[in-house]
């Protein structure tokens, strides 16, 4: 048999093999394996159902959406890659989302922050340091990361936070103490999360309305942000109100070493 006849015979044999479609799970599995796609789960949170996407690098997006399709479109529009629904049990860190937000369970979470600038990442990672039940102003974030003049830019970076709830931008408030906006459903949801965490948003708003930004401890002669160490304990023991840093310093008080109201990164 000539080589041409052999080739024709092989071609004919191949055509006679019944065709079959690859399983639907194959493409997502391959895409995830090469790092070109994320998986996501629909989970319950203190704000209702949320979608949580996860890549090989870590949690990449937390968002509310009307449907799977809406979330997938939003994800692809933001990242330029696909996200596929995952039917298996999510990683423990993802399952613990609600407990993590409430401070009932602290975990070292991994985040996929690719695509963000170095400045944006530093803003988000600094927000991650704010303890449960406490708040800090945008100006604190800017000072802590060494860019004290970049308050507006810090606010913009927090508004673009791809993983709210887990990177707690809801714990960052306006410099005058008012709660301000929130990227995940507005001020009402921000208030809800702070209430869950024990930050007493109504007390924060009352202090802000009266112009009080700090509370001083006359025994230790230090002054703090109103939620430092837990607002209930603080309001009981720190009874000296201050409207500005200068006012507190002039009265002989020094900034708290925990909440660092005058902290400037070196």
C-alpha atoms as a PDB file:
ATOM      1  CA  UNK A   1       0.000   0.000   0.000  1.00  0.00           C
ATOM      2  CA  UNK A   2       1.412   3.345  -1.038  1.00  0.00           C
ATOM      3  CA  UNK A   3       1.820   6.167   1.446  1.00  0.00           C
ATOM      4  CA  UNK A   4      -1.052   8.029  -0.236  1.00  0.00           C
ATOM      5  CA  UNK A   5      -3.379   5.058   0.167  1.00  0.00           C
ATOM      6  CA  UNK A   6      -2.294   4.693   3.794  1.00  0.00           C
ATOM      7  CA  UNK A   7      -3.075   8.333   4.462  1.00  0.00           C
ATOM      8  CA  UNK A   8      -6.491   8.018   2.842  1.00  0.00           C
ATOM      9  CA  UNK A   9      -7.219   4.898   4.887  1.00  0.00           C
ATOM     10  CA  UNK A  10      -6.238   6.627   8.126  1.00  0.00           C
ATOM     11  CA  UNK A  11      -8.325   9.664   7.245  1.00  0.00           C
ATOM     12  CA  UNK A  12     -11.322   7.450   6.482  1.00  0.00           C
ATOM     13  CA  UNK A  13     -10.870   5.554   9.739  1.00  0.00           C
ATOM     14  CA  UNK A  14     -10.721   8.783  11.725  1.00  0.00           C
ATOM     15  CA  UNK A  15     -13.913  10.061  10.090  1.00  0.00           C
ATOM     16  CA  UNK A  16     -15.675   6.875  11.065  1.00  0.00           C
ATOM     17  CA  UNK A  17     -14.975   7.430  14.783  1.00  0.00           C
ATOM     18  CA  UNK A  18     -18.154   8.701  16.471  1.00  0.00           C
ATOM     19  CA  UNK A  19     -17.833  12.368  17.432  1.00  0.00           C
ATOM     20  CA  UNK A  20     -18.355  13.365  21.028  1.00  0.00           C
ATOM     21  CA  UNK A  21     -18.424  16.678  22.823  1.00  0.00           C
ATOM     22  CA  UNK A  22     -16.034  17.497  25.616  1.00  0.00           C
ATOM     23  CA  UNK A  23     -17.699  17.751  29.022  1.00  0.00           C
ATOM     24  CA  UNK A  24     -18.836  21.270  29.937  1.00  0.00           C
ATOM     25  CA  UNK A  25     -16.487  21.279  32.898  1.00  0.00           C
ATOM     26  CA  UNK A  26     -13.390  20.783  30.739  1.00  0.00           C
ATOM     27  CA  UNK A  27     -12.965  24.357  29.444  1.00  0.00           C
ATOM     28  CA  UNK A  28     -13.378  26.035  32.841  1.00  0.00           C
ATOM     29  CA  UNK A  29     -10.976  23.517  34.378  1.00  0.00           C
ATOM     30  CA  UNK A  30      -8.342  24.172  31.705  1.00  0.00           C
ATOM     31  CA  UNK A  31      -8.782  27.941  31.930  1.00  0.00           C
ATOM     32  CA  UNK A  32      -8.395  27.855  35.713  1.00  0.00           C
ATOM     33  CA  UNK A  33      -5.377  25.577  35.460  1.00  0.00           C
ATOM     34  CA  UNK A  34      -3.517  28.049  33.242  1.00  0.00           C
ATOM     35  CA  UNK A  35      -4.613  31.038  35.323  1.00  0.00           C
ATOM     36  CA  UNK A  36      -6.938  32.545  32.707  1.00  0.00           C
ATOM     37  CA  UNK A  37     -10.175  32.177  34.654  1.00  0.00           C
ATOM     38  CA  UNK A  38     -11.540  32.397  38.184  1.00  0.00           C
ATOM     39  CA  UNK A  39     -14.235  30.427  39.926  1.00  0.00           C
ATOM     40  CA  UNK A  40     -16.993  31.940  42.004  1.00  0.00           C
ATOM     41  CA  UNK A  41     -19.593  31.027  44.580  1.00  0.00           C
ATOM     42  CA  UNK A  42     -22.850  32.654  45.606  1.00  0.00           C
ATOM     43  CA  UNK A  43     -22.835  33.033  49.384  1.00  0.00           C
ATOM     44  CA  UNK A  44     -24.906  34.679  52.060  1.00  0.00           C
ATOM     45  CA  UNK A  45     -23.442  37.721  53.806  1.00  0.00           C
ATOM     46  CA  UNK A  46     -24.646  40.338  56.298  1.00  0.00           C
ATOM     47  CA  UNK A  47     -25.810  42.315  53.249  1.00  0.00           C
ATOM     48  CA  UNK A  48     -27.621  39.427  51.607  1.00  0.00           C
ATOM     49  CA  UNK A  49     -26.359  37.235  48.749  1.00  0.00           C
ATOM     50  CA  UNK A  50     -22.929  38.109  47.374  1.00  0.00           C
ATOM     51  CA  UNK A  51     -20.724  36.566  44.724  1.00  0.00           C
ATOM     52  CA  UNK A  52     -17.157  35.701  45.724  1.00  0.00           C
ATOM     53  CA  UNK A  53     -14.589  34.995  43.007  1.00  0.00           C
ATOM     54  CA  UNK A  54     -11.324  33.198  43.629  1.00  0.00           C
ATOM     55  CA  UNK A  55      -8.215  32.711  41.509  1.00  0.00           C
ATOM     56  CA  UNK A  56      -5.001  30.800  42.075  1.00  0.00           C
ATOM     57  CA  UNK A  57      -3.615  33.944  43.722  1.00  0.00           C
ATOM     58  CA  UNK A  58      -6.515  34.454  46.134  1.00  0.00           C
ATOM     59  CA  UNK A  59      -9.919  36.116  46.466  1.00  0.00           C
ATOM     60  CA  UNK A  60     -10.278  38.411  43.470  1.00  0.00           C
ATOM     61  CA  UNK A  61     -13.758  39.928  43.735  1.00  0.00           C
ATOM     62  CA  UNK A  62     -16.672  40.268  46.142  1.00  0.00           C
ATOM     63  CA  UNK A  63     -19.789  41.811  44.685  1.00  0.00           C
ATOM     64  CA  UNK A  64     -23.541  41.906  44.772  1.00  0.00           C
ATOM     65  CA  UNK A  65     -25.321  41.095  41.518  1.00  0.00           C
ATOM     66  CA  UNK A  66     -28.833  40.263  40.338  1.00  0.00           C
ATOM     67  CA  UNK A  67     -27.769  36.965  38.769  1.00  0.00           C
ATOM     68  CA  UNK A  68     -24.838  34.753  37.858  1.00  0.00           C
ATOM     69  CA  UNK A  69     -24.838  36.248  34.367  1.00  0.00           C
ATOM     70  CA  UNK A  70     -24.702  39.794  35.713  1.00  0.00           C
ATOM     71  CA  UNK A  71     -21.786  38.928  37.974  1.00  0.00           C
ATOM     72  CA  UNK A  72     -19.909  37.184  35.164  1.00  0.00           C
ATOM     73  CA  UNK A  73     -20.332  40.213  32.885  1.00  0.00           C
ATOM     74  CA  UNK A  74     -19.199  42.563  35.633  1.00  0.00           C
ATOM     75  CA  UNK A  75     -16.182  40.397  36.391  1.00  0.00           C
ATOM     76  CA  UNK A  76     -15.088  40.092  32.771  1.00  0.00           C
ATOM     77  CA  UNK A  77     -15.605  43.815  32.182  1.00  0.00           C
ATOM     78  CA  UNK A  78     -13.334  44.590  35.120  1.00  0.00           C
ATOM     79  CA  UNK A  79     -10.610  42.000  34.637  1.00  0.00           C
ATOM     80  CA  UNK A  80     -10.764  40.946  31.002  1.00  0.00           C
ATOM     81  CA  UNK A  81     -10.949  37.280  31.974  1.00  0.00           C
ATOM     82  CA  UNK A  82     -13.754  34.850  32.647  1.00  0.00           C
ATOM     83  CA  UNK A  83     -15.212  33.661  35.935  1.00  0.00           C
ATOM     84  CA  UNK A  84     -17.032  30.340  36.081  1.00  0.00           C
ATOM     85  CA  UNK A  85     -19.499  29.098  38.699  1.00  0.00           C
ATOM     86  CA  UNK A  86     -17.999  26.535  41.033  1.00  0.00           C
ATOM     87  CA  UNK A  87     -20.214  23.767  42.355  1.00  0.00           C
ATOM     88  CA  UNK A  88     -17.718  22.288  44.762  1.00  0.00           C
ATOM     89  CA  UNK A  89     -17.469  23.375  48.396  1.00  0.00           C
ATOM     90  CA  UNK A  90     -15.679  26.750  48.556  1.00  0.00           C
ATOM     91  CA  UNK A  91     -12.377  27.123  50.405  1.00  0.00           C
ATOM     92  CA  UNK A  92     -12.639  27.480  54.162  1.00  0.00           C
ATOM     93  CA  UNK A  93     -11.613  31.137  53.978  1.00  0.00           C
ATOM     94  CA  UNK A  94     -14.500  31.871  51.620  1.00  0.00           C
ATOM     95  CA  UNK A  95     -17.018  29.886  53.691  1.00  0.00           C
ATOM     96  CA  UNK A  96     -15.968  31.884  56.739  1.00  0.00           C
ATOM     97  CA  UNK A  97     -16.828  35.192  55.077  1.00  0.00           C
ATOM     98  CA  UNK A  98     -19.677  36.064  57.416  1.00  0.00           C
ATOM     99  CA  UNK A  99     -17.775  35.056  60.548  1.00  0.00           C
ATOM    100  CA  UNK A 100     -14.746  36.975  59.307  1.00  0.00           C
ATOM    101  CA  UNK A 101     -16.754  40.155  58.740  1.00  0.00           C
ATOM    102  CA  UNK A 102     -18.252  39.917  62.204  1.00  0.00           C
ATOM    103  CA  UNK A 103     -14.862  39.420  63.773  1.00  0.00           C
ATOM    104  CA  UNK A 104     -15.859  36.017  65.120  1.00  0.00           C
ATOM    105  CA  UNK A 105     -13.120  34.298  63.177  1.00  0.00           C
ATOM    106  CA  UNK A 106      -9.921  35.939  61.985  1.00  0.00           C
ATOM    107  CA  UNK A 107      -8.125  34.319  59.104  1.00  0.00           C
ATOM    108  CA  UNK A 108      -5.141  35.244  57.012  1.00  0.00           C
ATOM    109  CA  UNK A 109      -6.842  35.675  53.667  1.00  0.00           C
ATOM    110  CA  UNK A 110      -5.069  35.802  50.311  1.00  0.00           C
ATOM    111  CA  UNK A 111      -6.207  38.403  47.796  1.00  0.00           C
ATOM    112  CA  UNK A 112      -5.638  38.672  44.081  1.00  0.00           C
ATOM    113  CA  UNK A 113      -5.014  42.393  43.607  1.00  0.00           C
ATOM    114  CA  UNK A 114      -3.465  42.183  40.157  1.00  0.00           C
ATOM    115  CA  UNK A 115      -4.311  45.160  37.997  1.00  0.00           C
ATOM    116  CA  UNK A 116      -4.191  47.650  40.868  1.00  0.00           C
ATOM    117  CA  UNK A 117      -1.446  50.235  41.162  1.00  0.00           C
ATOM    118  CA  UNK A 118       1.084  50.092  43.977  1.00  0.00           C
ATOM    119  CA  UNK A 119      -0.661  53.053  45.613  1.00  0.00           C
ATOM    120  CA  UNK A 120      -4.086  51.397  45.396  1.00  0.00           C
ATOM    121  CA  UNK A 121      -2.750  48.168  46.884  1.00  0.00           C
ATOM    122  CA  UNK A 122      -1.099  50.042  49.753  1.00  0.00           C
ATOM    123  CA  UNK A 123      -4.384  51.829  50.526  1.00  0.00           C
ATOM    124  CA  UNK A 124      -6.346  48.568  50.595  1.00  0.00           C
ATOM    125  CA  UNK A 125      -3.785  46.708  52.674  1.00  0.00           C
ATOM    126  CA  UNK A 126      -3.716  49.567  55.184  1.00  0.00           C
ATOM    127  CA  UNK A 127      -7.524  49.432  55.464  1.00  0.00           C
ATOM    128  CA  UNK A 128      -7.110  45.726  56.192  1.00  0.00           C
ATOM    129  CA  UNK A 129      -5.279  46.679  59.410  1.00  0.00           C
ATOM    130  CA  UNK A 130      -8.278  48.493  60.911  1.00  0.00           C
ATOM    131  CA  UNK A 131      -9.642  46.236  63.671  1.00  0.00           C
ATOM    132  CA  UNK A 132     -13.215  44.988  63.719  1.00  0.00           C
ATOM    133  CA  UNK A 133     -15.540  47.504  65.352  1.00  0.00           C
ATOM    134  CA  UNK A 134     -13.235  50.459  64.738  1.00  0.00           C
ATOM    135  CA  UNK A 135     -13.069  53.178  62.104  1.00  0.00           C
ATOM    136  CA  UNK A 136     -10.362  55.459  60.738  1.00  0.00           C
ATOM    137  CA  UNK A 137     -10.646  58.543  58.495  1.00  0.00           C
ATOM    138  CA  UNK A 138      -9.402  58.688  54.912  1.00  0.00           C
ATOM    139  CA  UNK A 139      -6.694  61.086  56.104  1.00  0.00           C
ATOM    140  CA  UNK A 140      -5.377  58.375  58.455  1.00  0.00           C
ATOM    141  CA  UNK A 141      -4.982  55.969  55.539  1.00  0.00           C
ATOM    142  CA  UNK A 142      -3.132  58.608  53.507  1.00  0.00           C
ATOM    143  CA  UNK A 143      -0.773  59.484  56.373  1.00  0.00           C
ATOM    144  CA  UNK A 144      -0.084  55.871  57.287  1.00  0.00           C
ATOM    145  CA  UNK A 145       1.060  54.964  53.773  1.00  0.00           C
ATOM    146  CA  UNK A 146       3.309  58.009  53.512  1.00  0.00           C
ATOM    147  CA  UNK A 147       1.133  60.195  51.273  1.00  0.00           C
ATOM    148  CA  UNK A 148      -0.563  62.602  53.693  1.00  0.00           C
ATOM    149  CA  UNK A 149      -1.755  64.890  50.899  1.00  0.00           C
ATOM    150  CA  UNK A 150      -3.381  62.080  48.918  1.00  0.00           C
ATOM    151  CA  UNK A 151      -6.621  61.908  50.917  1.00  0.00           C
ATOM    152  CA  UNK A 152      -8.877  62.154  47.861  1.00  0.00           C
ATOM    153  CA  UNK A 153      -6.799  59.572  45.982  1.00  0.00           C
ATOM    154  CA  UNK A 154      -7.058  57.210  48.957  1.00  0.00           C
ATOM    155  CA  UNK A 155     -10.835  57.602  48.873  1.00  0.00           C
ATOM    156  CA  UNK A 156     -10.882  56.814  45.162  1.00  0.00           C
ATOM    157  CA  UNK A 157      -8.789  53.688  45.718  1.00  0.00           C
ATOM    158  CA  UNK A 158     -11.180  52.487  48.426  1.00  0.00           C
ATOM    159  CA  UNK A 159     -14.161  53.127  46.145  1.00  0.00           C
ATOM    160  CA  UNK A 160     -12.541  50.751  43.635  1.00  0.00           C
ATOM    161  CA  UNK A 161     -11.932  48.037  46.247  1.00  0.00           C
ATOM    162  CA  UNK A 162     -12.581  44.728  44.414  1.00  0.00           C
ATOM    163  CA  UNK A 163     -13.075  42.762  47.630  1.00  0.00           C
ATOM    164  CA  UNK A 164     -15.271  44.799  49.984  1.00  0.00           C
ATOM    165  CA  UNK A 165     -16.439  43.067  53.182  1.00  0.00           C
ATOM    166  CA  UNK A 166     -13.086  41.279  53.393  1.00  0.00           C
ATOM    167  CA  UNK A 167     -10.885  44.320  52.844  1.00  0.00           C
ATOM    168  CA  UNK A 168     -12.998  46.522  55.128  1.00  0.00           C
ATOM    169  CA  UNK A 169     -13.378  49.846  53.322  1.00  0.00           C
ATOM    170  CA  UNK A 170     -16.618  50.221  55.310  1.00  0.00           C
ATOM    171  CA  UNK A 171     -14.397  50.991  58.319  1.00  0.00           C
ATOM    172  CA  UNK A 172     -13.018  54.127  56.664  1.00  0.00           C
ATOM    173  CA  UNK A 173     -14.988  57.324  57.303  1.00  0.00           C
ATOM    174  CA  UNK A 174     -14.777  60.957  56.343  1.00  0.00           C
ATOM    175  CA  UNK A 175     -12.194  63.168  58.006  1.00  0.00           C
ATOM    176  CA  UNK A 176     -14.941  65.006  59.882  1.00  0.00           C
ATOM    177  CA  UNK A 177     -16.094  61.719  61.419  1.00  0.00           C
ATOM    178  CA  UNK A 178     -19.216  61.289  59.313  1.00  0.00           C
ATOM    179  CA  UNK A 179     -19.718  57.839  57.838  1.00  0.00           C
ATOM    180  CA  UNK A 180     -19.608  58.818  54.177  1.00  0.00           C
ATOM    181  CA  UNK A 181     -20.296  56.672  51.145  1.00  0.00           C
ATOM    182  CA  UNK A 182     -19.782  52.948  50.565  1.00  0.00           C
ATOM    183  CA  UNK A 183     -19.110  51.215  47.264  1.00  0.00           C
ATOM    184  CA  UNK A 184     -21.196  48.150  48.096  1.00  0.00           C
ATOM    185  CA  UNK A 185     -24.746  49.404  48.361  1.00  0.00           C
ATOM    186  CA  UNK A 186     -24.303  52.891  49.809  1.00  0.00           C
ATOM    187  CA  UNK A 187     -24.316  54.476  53.247  1.00  0.00           C
ATOM    188  CA  UNK A 188     -27.128  52.267  54.585  1.00  0.00           C
ATOM    189  CA  UNK A 189     -25.077  49.108  54.083  1.00  0.00           C
ATOM    190  CA  UNK A 190     -22.023  50.788  55.581  1.00  0.00           C
ATOM    191  CA  UNK A 191     -24.064  51.622  58.649  1.00  0.00           C
ATOM    192  CA  UNK A 192     -25.357  48.040  58.825  1.00  0.00           C
ATOM    193  CA  UNK A 193     -21.846  46.560  58.765  1.00  0.00           C
ATOM    194  CA  UNK A 194     -20.561  48.957  61.404  1.00  0.00           C
ATOM    195  CA  UNK A 195     -23.571  48.155  63.579  1.00  0.00           C
ATOM    196  CA  UNK A 196     -22.883  44.413  63.252  1.00  0.00           C
ATOM    197  CA  UNK A 197     -19.260  44.978  64.241  1.00  0.00           C
ATOM    198  CA  UNK A 198     -20.196  47.019  67.311  1.00  0.00           C
ATOM    199  CA  UNK A 199     -18.933  50.388  66.088  1.00  0.00           C
ATOM    200  CA  UNK A 200     -22.176  52.179  67.071  1.00  0.00           C
ATOM    201  CA  UNK A 201     -22.693  54.298  63.941  1.00  0.00           C
ATOM    202  CA  UNK A 202     -25.339  56.419  65.683  1.00  0.00           C
ATOM    203  CA  UNK A 203     -22.765  57.454  68.301  1.00  0.00           C
ATOM    204  CA  UNK A 204     -20.207  58.209  65.599  1.00  0.00           C
ATOM    205  CA  UNK A 205     -22.704  60.374  63.758  1.00  0.00           C
ATOM    206  CA  UNK A 206     -23.632  62.216  66.959  1.00  0.00           C
ATOM    207  CA  UNK A 207     -19.979  62.951  67.752  1.00  0.00           C
ATOM    208  CA  UNK A 208     -19.357  64.078  64.167  1.00  0.00           C
ATOM    209  CA  UNK A 209     -22.378  66.396  64.263  1.00  0.00           C
ATOM    210  CA  UNK A 210     -20.985  68.077  67.376  1.00  0.00           C
ATOM    211  CA  UNK A 211     -17.541  68.438  65.781  1.00  0.00           C
ATOM    212  CA  UNK A 212     -15.822  65.981  68.125  1.00  0.00           C
ATOM    213  CA  UNK A 213     -13.084  64.046  66.361  1.00  0.00           C
ATOM    214  CA  UNK A 214     -11.156  62.647  69.319  1.00  0.00           C
ATOM    215  CA  UNK A 215     -11.771  61.548  72.884  1.00  0.00           C
ATOM    216  CA  UNK A 216      -9.152  62.099  75.556  1.00  0.00           C
ATOM    217  CA  UNK A 217      -8.313  59.975  78.576  1.00  0.00           C
ATOM    218  CA  UNK A 218      -7.522  62.268  81.502  1.00  0.00           C
ATOM    219  CA  UNK A 219      -5.805  59.481  83.455  1.00  0.00           C
ATOM    220  CA  UNK A 220      -3.398  58.389  80.726  1.00  0.00           C
ATOM    221  CA  UNK A 221      -3.324  61.847  79.094  1.00  0.00           C
ATOM    222  CA  UNK A 222      -3.746  60.399  75.633  1.00  0.00           C
ATOM    223  CA  UNK A 223      -6.392  60.964  72.981  1.00  0.00           C
ATOM    224  CA  UNK A 224      -7.898  58.525  70.498  1.00  0.00           C
ATOM    225  CA  UNK A 225     -10.245  58.136  67.588  1.00  0.00           C
ATOM    226  CA  UNK A 226     -13.731  57.490  69.032  1.00  0.00           C
ATOM    227  CA  UNK A 227     -13.701  53.749  68.331  1.00  0.00           C
ATOM    228  CA  UNK A 228     -10.166  52.871  69.429  1.00  0.00           C
ATOM    229  CA  UNK A 229     -10.305  49.643  71.435  1.00  0.00           C
ATOM    230  CA  UNK A 230     -14.103  49.469  71.214  1.00  0.00           C
ATOM    231  CA  UNK A 231     -16.431  52.427  71.363  1.00  0.00           C
ATOM    232  CA  UNK A 232     -18.390  51.354  74.454  1.00  0.00           C
ATOM    233  CA  UNK A 233     -15.304  51.138  76.677  1.00  0.00           C
ATOM    234  CA  UNK A 234     -13.757  54.223  75.129  1.00  0.00           C
ATOM    235  CA  UNK A 235     -16.767  56.490  75.646  1.00  0.00           C
ATOM    236  CA  UNK A 236     -16.884  55.430  79.305  1.00  0.00           C
ATOM    237  CA  UNK A 237     -13.194  55.991  80.063  1.00  0.00           C
ATOM    238  CA  UNK A 238     -12.262  58.721  77.575  1.00  0.00           C
ATOM    239  CA  UNK A 239     -14.522  61.605  78.459  1.00  0.00           C
ATOM    240  CA  UNK A 240     -12.586  64.657  77.272  1.00  0.00           C
ATOM    241  CA  UNK A 241     -13.766  65.730  73.815  1.00  0.00           C
ATOM    242  CA  UNK A 242     -11.405  67.360  71.314  1.00  0.00           C
ATOM    243  CA  UNK A 243     -12.273  68.939  68.000  1.00  0.00           C
ATOM    244  CA  UNK A 244      -8.763  69.025  66.526  1.00  0.00           C
ATOM    245  CA  UNK A 245      -5.294  67.557  67.021  1.00  0.00           C
ATOM    246  CA  UNK A 246      -4.008  70.999  67.973  1.00  0.00           C
ATOM    247  CA  UNK A 247      -6.610  71.309  70.708  1.00  0.00           C
ATOM    248  CA  UNK A 248      -5.615  67.966  72.227  1.00  0.00           C
ATOM    249  CA  UNK A 249      -1.893  68.728  72.047  1.00  0.00           C
ATOM    250  CA  UNK A 250      -2.377  72.172  73.554  1.00  0.00           C
ATOM    251  CA  UNK A 251      -4.184  70.536  76.505  1.00  0.00           C
ATOM    252  CA  UNK A 252      -1.149  68.352  77.163  1.00  0.00           C
ATOM    253  CA  UNK A 253      -2.515  65.121  75.685  1.00  0.00           C
ATOM    254  CA  UNK A 254      -0.461  62.831  73.449  1.00  0.00           C
ATOM    255  CA  UNK A 255      -1.727  60.723  70.549  1.00  0.00           C
ATOM    256  CA  UNK A 256      -2.683  57.116  71.333  1.00  0.00           C
ATOM    257  CA  UNK A 257      -0.029  54.645  70.237  1.00  0.00           C
ATOM    258  CA  UNK A 258      -2.686  52.149  69.090  1.00  0.00           C
ATOM    259  CA  UNK A 259      -4.911  54.210  66.796  1.00  0.00           C
ATOM    260  CA  UNK A 260      -2.137  56.750  66.004  1.00  0.00           C
ATOM    261  CA  UNK A 261      -4.255  59.839  65.292  1.00  0.00           C
ATOM    262  CA  UNK A 262      -1.150  61.756  64.198  1.00  0.00           C
ATOM    263  CA  UNK A 263       0.674  58.792  62.662  1.00  0.00           C
ATOM    264  CA  UNK A 264       2.847  59.632  59.664  1.00  0.00           C
ATOM    265  CA  UNK A 265       4.626  56.741  57.986  1.00  0.00           C
ATOM    266  CA  UNK A 266       8.395  57.090  57.982  1.00  0.00           C
END
